[in-house]
Amino acid sequence: MSGLLPEAFKDLEYLVPEWSIRDGHQRYVKRVNSSIEELRAFYDVMFPRGQAAIDFIDQFEYSEPLTEDVSNLRDLLYTLITVAIAVEVWRQPRVRNSANTILTRLA
């Protein structure tokens, strides 16, 4: 798995295949199709490292493309954002009282 994340975040590389999701809709689909236990496990590992990851990514110019390892770290953060409300507020993968509703992006 070497090279999936920047050196300071190597210990999180095992999360990349499952949780480093580039597409926002796919992150949402991952959230609603995961158990709260799976979401909590990811959240518990990523949340304490979130600020360090943000600080690391902030050193790069926004106008320049990120390297693959930094992009993977960014996508882990985006997934953390998607998962956080389910873990912190709803305590379930789906919005409360939404039955089986799922958002589908058309374009």
PDB file of N, CA and C in Angstrom:
ATOM      1  N   MET A   1       0.807  -1.204   0.000  1.00  0.00           N
ATOM      2  CA  MET A   1       0.000   0.000   0.000  1.00  0.00           C
ATOM      3  C   MET A   1       0.842   1.257   0.000  1.00  0.00           C
ATOM      4  N   SER A   2       2.119   1.146  -0.051  1.00  0.00           N
ATOM      5  CA  SER A   2       3.005   2.292   0.052  1.00  0.00           C
ATOM      6  C   SER A   2       2.668   3.379  -0.956  1.00  0.00           C
ATOM      7  N   GLY A   3       2.692   4.627  -0.487  1.00  0.00           N
ATOM      8  CA  GLY A   3       2.466   5.759  -1.357  1.00  0.00           C
ATOM      9  C   GLY A   3       1.022   6.195  -1.487  1.00  0.00           C
ATOM     10  N   LEU A   4       0.102   5.567  -0.791  1.00  0.00           N
ATOM     11  CA  LEU A   4      -1.304   5.945  -0.892  1.00  0.00           C
ATOM     12  C   LEU A   4      -1.612   7.253  -0.177  1.00  0.00           C
ATOM     13  N   LEU A   5      -0.827   7.570   0.856  1.00  0.00           N
ATOM     14  CA  LEU A   5      -1.004   8.799   1.632  1.00  0.00           C
ATOM     15  C   LEU A   5       0.355   9.427   1.901  1.00  0.00           C
ATOM     16  N   PRO A   6       0.374  10.723   2.200  1.00  0.00           N
ATOM     17  CA  PRO A   6       1.639  11.354   2.591  1.00  0.00           C
ATOM     18  C   PRO A   6       2.238  10.660   3.815  1.00  0.00           C
ATOM     19  N   GLU A   7       3.542  10.774   3.952  1.00  0.00           N
ATOM     20  CA  GLU A   7       4.291  10.078   5.009  1.00  0.00           C
ATOM     21  C   GLU A   7       3.679  10.241   6.402  1.00  0.00           C
ATOM     22  N   ALA A   8       3.250  11.432   6.755  1.00  0.00           N
ATOM     23  CA  ALA A   8       2.711  11.694   8.098  1.00  0.00           C
ATOM     24  C   ALA A   8       1.389  10.973   8.354  1.00  0.00           C
ATOM     25  N   PHE A   9       0.791  10.413   7.305  1.00  0.00           N
ATOM     26  CA  PHE A   9      -0.517   9.761   7.437  1.00  0.00           C
ATOM     27  C   PHE A   9      -0.474   8.302   6.983  1.00  0.00           C
ATOM     28  N   LYS A  10       0.711   7.737   6.905  1.00  0.00           N
ATOM     29  CA  LYS A  10       0.885   6.350   6.451  1.00  0.00           C
ATOM     30  C   LYS A  10       0.055   5.358   7.255  1.00  0.00           C
ATOM     31  N   ASP A  11      -0.130   5.648   8.540  1.00  0.00           N
ATOM     32  CA  ASP A  11      -0.882   4.725   9.390  1.00  0.00           C
ATOM     33  C   ASP A  11      -2.355   4.630   8.984  1.00  0.00           C
ATOM     34  N   LEU A  12      -2.824   5.546   8.157  1.00  0.00           N
ATOM     35  CA  LEU A  12      -4.226   5.542   7.716  1.00  0.00           C
ATOM     36  C   LEU A  12      -4.398   4.923   6.325  1.00  0.00           C
ATOM     37  N   GLU A  13      -3.318   4.427   5.740  1.00  0.00           N
ATOM     38  CA  GLU A  13      -3.399   3.909   4.372  1.00  0.00           C
ATOM     39  C   GLU A  13      -4.400   2.782   4.211  1.00  0.00           C
ATOM     40  N   TYR A  14      -4.613   2.003   5.246  1.00  0.00           N
ATOM     41  CA  TYR A  14      -5.564   0.900   5.136  1.00  0.00           C
ATOM     42  C   TYR A  14      -6.992   1.390   4.894  1.00  0.00           C
ATOM     43  N   LEU A  15      -7.268   2.663   5.189  1.00  0.00           N
ATOM     44  CA  LEU A  15      -8.601   3.228   4.965  1.00  0.00           C
ATOM     45  C   LEU A  15      -8.846   3.616   3.505  1.00  0.00           C
ATOM     46  N   VAL A  16      -7.784   3.853   2.768  1.00  0.00           N
ATOM     47  CA  VAL A  16      -7.903   4.411   1.417  1.00  0.00           C
ATOM     48  C   VAL A  16      -8.772   3.563   0.486  1.00  0.00           C
ATOM     49  N   PRO A  17      -8.554   2.266   0.364  1.00  0.00           N
ATOM     50  CA  PRO A  17      -9.355   1.505  -0.614  1.00  0.00           C
ATOM     51  C   PRO A  17     -10.871   1.606  -0.385  1.00  0.00           C
ATOM     52  N   GLU A  18     -11.291   1.660   0.842  1.00  0.00           N
ATOM     53  CA  GLU A  18     -12.724   1.671   1.139  1.00  0.00           C
ATOM     54  C   GLU A  18     -13.304   3.071   1.324  1.00  0.00           C
ATOM     55  N   TRP A  19     -12.531   3.994   1.892  1.00  0.00           N
ATOM     56  CA  TRP A  19     -13.105   5.261   2.333  1.00  0.00           C
ATOM     57  C   TRP A  19     -12.618   6.502   1.594  1.00  0.00           C
ATOM     58  N   SER A  20     -11.575   6.400   0.797  1.00  0.00           N
ATOM     59  CA  SER A  20     -11.105   7.552   0.024  1.00  0.00           C
ATOM     60  C   SER A  20     -11.898   7.592  -1.276  1.00  0.00           C
ATOM     61  N   ILE A  21     -13.037   8.275  -1.228  1.00  0.00           N
ATOM     62  CA  ILE A  21     -14.006   8.249  -2.326  1.00  0.00           C
ATOM     63  C   ILE A  21     -14.034   9.628  -2.974  1.00  0.00           C
ATOM     64  N   ARG A  22     -13.700   9.682  -4.234  1.00  0.00           N
ATOM     65  CA  ARG A  22     -13.567  10.956  -4.948  1.00  0.00           C
ATOM     66  C   ARG A  22     -14.913  11.631  -5.204  1.00  0.00           C
ATOM     67  N   ASP A  23     -15.929  10.874  -5.548  1.00  0.00           N
ATOM     68  CA  ASP A  23     -17.224  11.417  -5.960  1.00  0.00           C
ATOM     69  C   ASP A  23     -18.158  11.630  -4.765  1.00  0.00           C
ATOM     70  N   GLY A  24     -18.734  12.818  -4.660  1.00  0.00           N
ATOM     71  CA  GLY A  24     -19.611  13.154  -3.547  1.00  0.00           C
ATOM     72  C   GLY A  24     -20.824  12.255  -3.437  1.00  0.00           C
ATOM     73  N   HIS A  25     -21.438  11.931  -4.560  1.00  0.00           N
ATOM     74  CA  HIS A  25     -22.601  11.043  -4.519  1.00  0.00           C
ATOM     75  C   HIS A  25     -22.194   9.653  -4.031  1.00  0.00           C
ATOM     76  N   GLN A  26     -21.050   9.176  -4.485  1.00  0.00           N
ATOM     77  CA  GLN A  26     -20.579   7.860  -4.047  1.00  0.00           C
ATOM     78  C   GLN A  26     -20.258   7.848  -2.546  1.00  0.00           C
ATOM     79  N   ARG A  27     -19.790   8.983  -2.020  1.00  0.00           N
ATOM     80  CA  ARG A  27     -19.580   9.064  -0.559  1.00  0.00           C
ATOM     81  C   ARG A  27     -20.912   8.938   0.167  1.00  0.00           C
ATOM     82  N   TYR A  28     -21.933   9.604  -0.350  1.00  0.00           N
ATOM     83  CA  TYR A  28     -23.273   9.512   0.242  1.00  0.00           C
ATOM     84  C   TYR A  28     -23.790   8.070   0.179  1.00  0.00           C
ATOM     85  N   VAL A  29     -23.642   7.427  -0.968  1.00  0.00           N
ATOM     86  CA  VAL A  29     -24.080   6.043  -1.130  1.00  0.00           C
ATOM     87  C   VAL A  29     -23.344   5.141  -0.134  1.00  0.00           C
ATOM     88  N   LYS A  30     -22.042   5.367   0.024  1.00  0.00           N
ATOM     89  CA  LYS A  30     -21.264   4.585   0.991  1.00  0.00           C
ATOM     90  C   LYS A  30     -21.823   4.765   2.399  1.00  0.00           C
ATOM     91  N   ARG A  31     -22.149   6.013   2.752  1.00  0.00           N
ATOM     92  CA  ARG A  31     -22.688   6.277   4.090  1.00  0.00           C
ATOM     93  C   ARG A  31     -24.001   5.538   4.314  1.00  0.00           C
ATOM     94  N   VAL A  32     -24.948   5.682   3.408  1.00  0.00           N
ATOM     95  CA  VAL A  32     -26.262   5.080   3.649  1.00  0.00           C
ATOM     96  C   VAL A  32     -26.251   3.565   3.537  1.00  0.00           C
ATOM     97  N   ASN A  33     -25.246   3.013   2.896  1.00  0.00           N
ATOM     98  CA  ASN A  33     -25.156   1.554   2.775  1.00  0.00           C
ATOM     99  C   ASN A  33     -24.210   0.918   3.788  1.00  0.00           C
ATOM    100  N   SER A  34     -23.675   1.716   4.694  1.00  0.00           N
ATOM    101  CA  SER A  34     -22.799   1.200   5.754  1.00  0.00           C
ATOM    102  C   SER A  34     -23.588   1.119   7.056  1.00  0.00           C
ATOM    103  N   SER A  35     -23.152   0.257   7.924  1.00  0.00           N
ATOM    104  CA  SER A  35     -23.773   0.192   9.253  1.00  0.00           C
ATOM    105  C   SER A  35     -23.237   1.345  10.102  1.00  0.00           C
ATOM    106  N   ILE A  36     -23.957   1.691  11.133  1.00  0.00           N
ATOM    107  CA  ILE A  36     -23.475   2.745  12.030  1.00  0.00           C
ATOM    108  C   ILE A  36     -22.171   2.317  12.693  1.00  0.00           C
ATOM    109  N   GLU A  37     -21.990   1.025  12.888  1.00  0.00           N
ATOM    110  CA  GLU A  37     -20.741   0.531  13.472  1.00  0.00           C
ATOM    111  C   GLU A  37     -19.562   0.763  12.524  1.00  0.00           C
ATOM    112  N   GLU A  38     -19.778   0.537  11.242  1.00  0.00           N
ATOM    113  CA  GLU A  38     -18.720   0.791  10.251  1.00  0.00           C
ATOM    114  C   GLU A  38     -18.408   2.284  10.166  1.00  0.00           C
ATOM    115  N   LEU A  39     -19.447   3.100  10.171  1.00  0.00           N
ATOM    116  CA  LEU A  39     -19.250   4.548  10.130  1.00  0.00           C
ATOM    117  C   LEU A  39     -18.513   5.027  11.364  1.00  0.00           C
ATOM    118  N   ARG A  40     -18.894   4.525  12.523  1.00  0.00           N
ATOM    119  CA  ARG A  40     -18.265   4.918  13.789  1.00  0.00           C
ATOM    120  C   ARG A  40     -16.793   4.513  13.806  1.00  0.00           C
ATOM    121  N   ALA A  41     -16.481   3.326  13.303  1.00  0.00           N
ATOM    122  CA  ALA A  41     -15.087   2.858  13.279  1.00  0.00           C
ATOM    123  C   ALA A  41     -14.236   3.787  12.409  1.00  0.00           C
ATOM    124  N   PHE A  42     -14.744   4.155  11.232  1.00  0.00           N
ATOM    125  CA  PHE A  42     -14.022   5.086  10.364  1.00  0.00           C
ATOM    126  C   PHE A  42     -13.890   6.444  11.045  1.00  0.00           C
ATOM    127  N   TYR A  43     -14.973   6.950  11.563  1.00  0.00           N
ATOM    128  CA  TYR A  43     -14.999   8.254  12.229  1.00  0.00           C
ATOM    129  C   TYR A  43     -14.004   8.298  13.393  1.00  0.00           C
ATOM    130  N   ASP A  44     -14.000   7.259  14.212  1.00  0.00           N
ATOM    131  CA  ASP A  44     -13.136   7.231  15.394  1.00  0.00           C
ATOM    132  C   ASP A  44     -11.647   7.267  15.032  1.00  0.00           C
ATOM    133  N   VAL A  45     -11.298   6.740  13.878  1.00  0.00           N
ATOM    134  CA  VAL A  45      -9.906   6.775  13.430  1.00  0.00           C
ATOM    135  C   VAL A  45      -9.581   8.113  12.762  1.00  0.00           C
ATOM    136  N   MET A  46     -10.485   8.595  11.915  1.00  0.00           N
ATOM    137  CA  MET A  46     -10.198   9.795  11.117  1.00  0.00           C
ATOM    138  C   MET A  46     -10.387  11.106  11.875  1.00  0.00           C
ATOM    139  N   PHE A  47     -11.394  11.191  12.710  1.00  0.00           N
ATOM    140  CA  PHE A  47     -11.705  12.474  13.340  1.00  0.00           C
ATOM    141  C   PHE A  47     -10.526  13.061  14.122  1.00  0.00           C
ATOM    142  N   PRO A  48      -9.830  12.267  14.929  1.00  0.00           N
ATOM    143  CA  PRO A  48      -8.693  12.841  15.666  1.00  0.00           C
ATOM    144  C   PRO A  48      -7.563  13.347  14.755  1.00  0.00           C
ATOM    145  N   ARG A  49      -7.497  12.868  13.534  1.00  0.00           N
ATOM    146  CA  ARG A  49      -6.447  13.273  12.594  1.00  0.00           C
ATOM    147  C   ARG A  49      -6.924  14.348  11.628  1.00  0.00           C
ATOM    148  N   GLY A  50      -8.202  14.715  11.713  1.00  0.00           N
ATOM    149  CA  GLY A  50      -8.799  15.637  10.761  1.00  0.00           C
ATOM    150  C   GLY A  50      -8.100  16.980  10.667  1.00  0.00           C
ATOM    151  N   GLN A  51      -7.855  17.623  11.788  1.00  0.00           N
ATOM    152  CA  GLN A  51      -7.235  18.950  11.753  1.00  0.00           C
ATOM    153  C   GLN A  51      -5.817  18.888  11.198  1.00  0.00           C
ATOM    154  N   ALA A  52      -5.083  17.856  11.562  1.00  0.00           N
ATOM    155  CA  ALA A  52      -3.725  17.697  11.015  1.00  0.00           C
ATOM    156  C   ALA A  52      -3.776  17.497   9.497  1.00  0.00           C
ATOM    157  N   ALA A  53      -4.765  16.751   9.024  1.00  0.00           N
ATOM    158  CA  ALA A  53      -4.911  16.535   7.584  1.00  0.00           C
ATOM    159  C   ALA A  53      -5.267  17.845   6.879  1.00  0.00           C
ATOM    160  N   ILE A  54      -6.171  18.615   7.459  1.00  0.00           N
ATOM    161  CA  ILE A  54      -6.534  19.914   6.888  1.00  0.00           C
ATOM    162  C   ILE A  54      -5.312  20.820   6.823  1.00  0.00           C
ATOM    163  N   ASP A  55      -4.580  20.895   7.918  1.00  0.00           N
ATOM    164  CA  ASP A  55      -3.383  21.740   7.958  1.00  0.00           C
ATOM    165  C   ASP A  55      -2.360  21.305   6.911  1.00  0.00           C
ATOM    166  N   PHE A  56      -2.213  19.997   6.726  1.00  0.00           N
ATOM    167  CA  PHE A  56      -1.273  19.485   5.729  1.00  0.00           C
ATOM    168  C   PHE A  56      -1.707  19.887   4.319  1.00  0.00           C
ATOM    169  N   ILE A  57      -2.964  19.678   4.002  1.00  0.00           N
ATOM    170  CA  ILE A  57      -3.470  19.983   2.665  1.00  0.00           C
ATOM    171  C   ILE A  57      -3.442  21.486   2.397  1.00  0.00           C
ATOM    172  N   ASP A  58      -3.651  22.294   3.409  1.00  0.00           N
ATOM    173  CA  ASP A  58      -3.664  23.754   3.248  1.00  0.00           C
ATOM    174  C   ASP A  58      -2.322  24.331   2.804  1.00  0.00           C
ATOM    175  N   GLN A  59      -1.262  23.561   2.893  1.00  0.00           N
ATOM    176  CA  GLN A  59       0.033  24.078   2.461  1.00  0.00           C
ATOM    177  C   GLN A  59       0.188  24.091   0.942  1.00  0.00           C
ATOM    178  N   PHE A  60      -0.738  23.451   0.232  1.00  0.00           N
ATOM    179  CA  PHE A  60      -0.657  23.376  -1.226  1.00  0.00           C
ATOM    180  C   PHE A  60      -1.479  24.498  -1.857  1.00  0.00           C
ATOM    181  N   GLU A  61      -1.031  24.928  -3.031  1.00  0.00           N
ATOM    182  CA  GLU A  61      -1.746  25.956  -3.778  1.00  0.00           C
ATOM    183  C   GLU A  61      -3.054  25.395  -4.323  1.00  0.00           C
ATOM    184  N   TYR A  62      -4.134  26.130  -4.148  1.00  0.00           N
ATOM    185  CA  TYR A  62      -5.435  25.670  -4.639  1.00  0.00           C
ATOM    186  C   TYR A  62      -5.488  25.594  -6.158  1.00  0.00           C
ATOM    187  N   SER A  63      -4.689  26.394  -6.823  1.00  0.00           N
ATOM    188  CA  SER A  63      -4.720  26.427  -8.289  1.00  0.00           C
ATOM    189  C   SER A  63      -3.937  25.273  -8.921  1.00  0.00           C
ATOM    190  N   GLU A  64      -3.176  24.542  -8.127  1.00  0.00           N
ATOM    191  CA  GLU A  64      -2.360  23.434  -8.637  1.00  0.00           C
ATOM    192  C   GLU A  64      -3.017  22.095  -8.298  1.00  0.00           C
ATOM    193  N   PRO A  65      -2.928  21.131  -9.208  1.00  0.00           N
ATOM    194  CA  PRO A  65      -3.487  19.809  -8.894  1.00  0.00           C
ATOM    195  C   PRO A  65      -2.699  19.141  -7.761  1.00  0.00           C
ATOM    196  N   LEU A  66      -3.413  18.383  -6.950  1.00  0.00           N
ATOM    197  CA  LEU A  66      -2.776  17.655  -5.853  1.00  0.00           C
ATOM    198  C   LEU A  66      -2.182  16.347  -6.367  1.00  0.00           C
ATOM    199  N   THR A  67      -1.125  15.896  -5.733  1.00  0.00           N
ATOM    200  CA  THR A  67      -0.589  14.578  -6.044  1.00  0.00           C
ATOM    201  C   THR A  67      -1.596  13.529  -5.577  1.00  0.00           C
ATOM    202  N   GLU A  68      -1.455  12.315  -6.070  1.00  0.00           N
ATOM    203  CA  GLU A  68      -2.408  11.249  -5.743  1.00  0.00           C
ATOM    204  C   GLU A  68      -2.494  10.986  -4.243  1.00  0.00           C
ATOM    205  N   ASP A  69      -1.362  10.988  -3.543  1.00  0.00           N
ATOM    206  CA  ASP A  69      -1.387  10.715  -2.103  1.00  0.00           C
ATOM    207  C   ASP A  69      -2.126  11.806  -1.337  1.00  0.00           C
ATOM    208  N   VAL A  70      -1.938  13.055  -1.737  1.00  0.00           N
ATOM    209  CA  VAL A  70      -2.630  14.165  -1.081  1.00  0.00           C
ATOM    210  C   VAL A  70      -4.111  14.154  -1.464  1.00  0.00           C
ATOM    211  N   SER A  71      -4.421  13.807  -2.698  1.00  0.00           N
ATOM    212  CA  SER A  71      -5.819  13.676  -3.125  1.00  0.00           C
ATOM    213  C   SER A  71      -6.537  12.600  -2.309  1.00  0.00           C
ATOM    214  N   ASN A  72      -5.857  11.499  -2.057  1.00  0.00           N
ATOM    215  CA  ASN A  72      -6.451  10.439  -1.236  1.00  0.00           C
ATOM    216  C   ASN A  72      -6.754  10.943   0.170  1.00  0.00           C
ATOM    217  N   LEU A  73      -5.831  11.721   0.729  1.00  0.00           N
ATOM    218  CA  LEU A  73      -6.039  12.283   2.064  1.00  0.00           C
ATOM    219  C   LEU A  73      -7.231  13.242   2.049  1.00  0.00           C
ATOM    220  N   ARG A  74      -7.288  14.103   1.039  1.00  0.00           N
ATOM    221  CA  ARG A  74      -8.429  15.017   0.893  1.00  0.00           C
ATOM    222  C   ARG A  74      -9.745  14.241   0.816  1.00  0.00           C
ATOM    223  N   ASP A  75      -9.757  13.159   0.042  1.00  0.00           N
ATOM    224  CA  ASP A  75     -10.986  12.386  -0.113  1.00  0.00           C
ATOM    225  C   ASP A  75     -11.375  11.674   1.182  1.00  0.00           C
ATOM    226  N   LEU A  76     -10.397  11.267   1.976  1.00  0.00           N
ATOM    227  CA  LEU A  76     -10.715  10.731   3.313  1.00  0.00           C
ATOM    228  C   LEU A  76     -11.397  11.799   4.166  1.00  0.00           C
ATOM    229  N   LEU A  77     -10.907  13.031   4.071  1.00  0.00           N
ATOM    230  CA  LEU A  77     -11.541  14.131   4.812  1.00  0.00           C
ATOM    231  C   LEU A  77     -12.961  14.389   4.327  1.00  0.00           C
ATOM    232  N   TYR A  78     -13.159  14.372   3.021  1.00  0.00           N
ATOM    233  CA  TYR A  78     -14.502  14.570   2.484  1.00  0.00           C
ATOM    234  C   TYR A  78     -15.450  13.472   2.962  1.00  0.00           C
ATOM    235  N   THR A  79     -14.954  12.244   3.011  1.00  0.00           N
ATOM    236  CA  THR A  79     -15.776  11.150   3.522  1.00  0.00           C
ATOM    237  C   THR A  79     -16.062  11.353   5.002  1.00  0.00           C
ATOM    238  N   LEU A  80     -15.081  11.817   5.745  1.00  0.00           N
ATOM    239  CA  LEU A  80     -15.301  12.120   7.164  1.00  0.00           C
ATOM    240  C   LEU A  80     -16.420  13.139   7.331  1.00  0.00           C
ATOM    241  N   ILE A  81     -16.428  14.176   6.510  1.00  0.00           N
ATOM    242  CA  ILE A  81     -17.485  15.186   6.571  1.00  0.00           C
ATOM    243  C   ILE A  81     -18.842  14.547   6.296  1.00  0.00           C
ATOM    244  N   THR A  82     -18.907  13.667   5.307  1.00  0.00           N
ATOM    245  CA  THR A  82     -20.155  12.999   4.948  1.00  0.00           C
ATOM    246  C   THR A  82     -20.645  12.088   6.060  1.00  0.00           C
ATOM    247  N   VAL A  83     -19.723  11.437   6.733  1.00  0.00           N
ATOM    248  CA  VAL A  83     -20.050  10.468   7.780  1.00  0.00           C
ATOM    249  C   VAL A  83     -20.341  11.144   9.121  1.00  0.00           C
ATOM    250  N   ALA A  84     -19.724  12.275   9.385  1.00  0.00           N
ATOM    251  CA  ALA A  84     -19.771  12.886  10.720  1.00  0.00           C
ATOM    252  C   ALA A  84     -21.183  13.163  11.210  1.00  0.00           C
ATOM    253  N   ILE A  85     -22.039  13.714  10.386  1.00  0.00           N
ATOM    254  CA  ILE A  85     -23.380  14.043  10.861  1.00  0.00           C
ATOM    255  C   ILE A  85     -24.169  12.780  11.213  1.00  0.00           C
ATOM    256  N   ALA A  86     -23.944  11.723  10.462  1.00  0.00           N
ATOM    257  CA  ALA A  86     -24.621  10.461  10.765  1.00  0.00           C
ATOM    258  C   ALA A  86     -24.162   9.906  12.116  1.00  0.00           C
ATOM    259  N   VAL A  87     -22.885  10.052  12.400  1.00  0.00           N
ATOM    260  CA  VAL A  87     -22.334   9.538  13.664  1.00  0.00           C
ATOM    261  C   VAL A  87     -22.676  10.464  14.829  1.00  0.00           C
ATOM    262  N   GLU A  88     -22.481  11.753  14.644  1.00  0.00           N
ATOM    263  CA  GLU A  88     -22.627  12.711  15.741  1.00  0.00           C
ATOM    264  C   GLU A  88     -24.072  13.077  16.063  1.00  0.00           C
ATOM    265  N   VAL A  89     -24.912  13.193  15.039  1.00  0.00           N
ATOM    266  CA  VAL A  89     -26.267  13.706  15.247  1.00  0.00           C
ATOM    267  C   VAL A  89     -27.323  12.615  15.134  1.00  0.00           C
ATOM    268  N   TRP A  90     -27.377  11.960  13.981  1.00  0.00           N
ATOM    269  CA  TRP A  90     -28.443  11.000  13.753  1.00  0.00           C
ATOM    270  C   TRP A  90     -28.209   9.665  14.432  1.00  0.00           C
ATOM    271  N   ARG A  91     -26.941   9.310  14.631  1.00  0.00           N
ATOM    272  CA  ARG A  91     -26.562   8.009  15.186  1.00  0.00           C
ATOM    273  C   ARG A  91     -27.125   6.844  14.358  1.00  0.00           C
ATOM    274  N   GLN A  92     -27.211   7.104  13.069  1.00  0.00           N
ATOM    275  CA  GLN A  92     -27.614   6.105  12.080  1.00  0.00           C
ATOM    276  C   GLN A  92     -27.186   6.612  10.704  1.00  0.00           C
ATOM    277  N   PRO A  93     -27.027   5.724   9.733  1.00  0.00           N
ATOM    278  CA  PRO A  93     -26.516   6.128   8.428  1.00  0.00           C
ATOM    279  C   PRO A  93     -27.442   7.058   7.632  1.00  0.00           C
ATOM    280  N   ARG A  94     -28.736   6.909   7.830  1.00  0.00           N
ATOM    281  CA  ARG A  94     -29.700   7.702   7.061  1.00  0.00           C
ATOM    282  C   ARG A  94     -30.276   8.820   7.916  1.00  0.00           C
ATOM    283  N   VAL A  95     -30.834   9.809   7.249  1.00  0.00           N
ATOM    284  CA  VAL A  95     -31.517  10.892   7.947  1.00  0.00           C
ATOM    285  C   VAL A  95     -32.718  10.304   8.679  1.00  0.00           C
ATOM    286  N   ARG A  96     -32.904  10.708   9.921  1.00  0.00           N
ATOM    287  CA  ARG A  96     -34.042  10.208  10.692  1.00  0.00           C
ATOM    288  C   ARG A  96     -35.355  10.494   9.975  1.00  0.00           C
ATOM    289  N   ASN A  97     -36.266   9.551  10.075  1.00  0.00           N
ATOM    290  CA  ASN A  97     -37.616   9.664   9.513  1.00  0.00           C
ATOM    291  C   ASN A  97     -37.629   9.856   7.998  1.00  0.00           C
ATOM    292  N   SER A  98     -36.592   9.373   7.325  1.00  0.00           N
ATOM    293  CA  SER A  98     -36.566   9.484   5.859  1.00  0.00           C
ATOM    294  C   SER A  98     -36.934   8.177   5.174  1.00  0.00           C
ATOM    295  N   ALA A  99     -37.306   7.176   5.965  1.00  0.00           N
ATOM    296  CA  ALA A  99     -37.670   5.856   5.446  1.00  0.00           C
ATOM    297  C   ALA A  99     -36.549   5.332   4.553  1.00  0.00           C
ATOM    298  N   ASN A 100     -36.875   4.933   3.354  1.00  0.00           N
ATOM    299  CA  ASN A 100     -35.862   4.393   2.441  1.00  0.00           C
ATOM    300  C   ASN A 100     -35.444   5.397   1.376  1.00  0.00           C
ATOM    301  N   THR A 101     -35.651   6.675   1.657  1.00  0.00           N
ATOM    302  CA  THR A 101     -35.288   7.719   0.705  1.00  0.00           C
ATOM    303  C   THR A 101     -33.784   7.744   0.497  1.00  0.00           C
ATOM    304  N   ILE A 102     -33.389   7.885  -0.744  1.00  0.00           N
ATOM    305  CA  ILE A 102     -31.980   8.043  -1.083  1.00  0.00           C
ATOM    306  C   ILE A 102     -31.873   9.091  -2.185  1.00  0.00           C
ATOM    307  N   LEU A 103     -30.896   9.962  -2.089  1.00  0.00           N
ATOM    308  CA  LEU A 103     -30.688  10.990  -3.101  1.00  0.00           C
ATOM    309  C   LEU A 103     -29.996  10.381  -4.304  1.00  0.00           C
ATOM    310  N   THR A 104     -30.439  10.764  -5.470  1.00  0.00           N
ATOM    311  CA  THR A 104     -29.812  10.299  -6.704  1.00  0.00           C
ATOM    312  C   THR A 104     -29.476  11.525  -7.539  1.00  0.00           C
ATOM    313  N   ARG A 105     -28.239  11.620  -7.932  1.00  0.00           N
ATOM    314  CA  ARG A 105     -27.797  12.735  -8.767  1.00  0.00           C
ATOM    315  C   ARG A 105     -28.067  12.395 -10.226  1.00  0.00           C
ATOM    316  N   LEU A 106     -28.684  13.343 -10.925  1.00  0.00           N
ATOM    317  CA  LEU A 106     -29.032  13.128 -12.327  1.00  0.00           C
ATOM    318  C   LEU A 106     -27.944  13.600 -13.279  1.00  0.00           C
ATOM    319  N   ALA A 107     -27.163  14.567 -12.859  1.00  0.00           N
ATOM    320  CA  ALA A 107     -26.118  15.057 -13.750  1.00  0.00           C
ATOM    321  C   ALA A 107     -24.839  15.286 -12.984  1.00  0.00           C
TER     322      ALA A 107
END
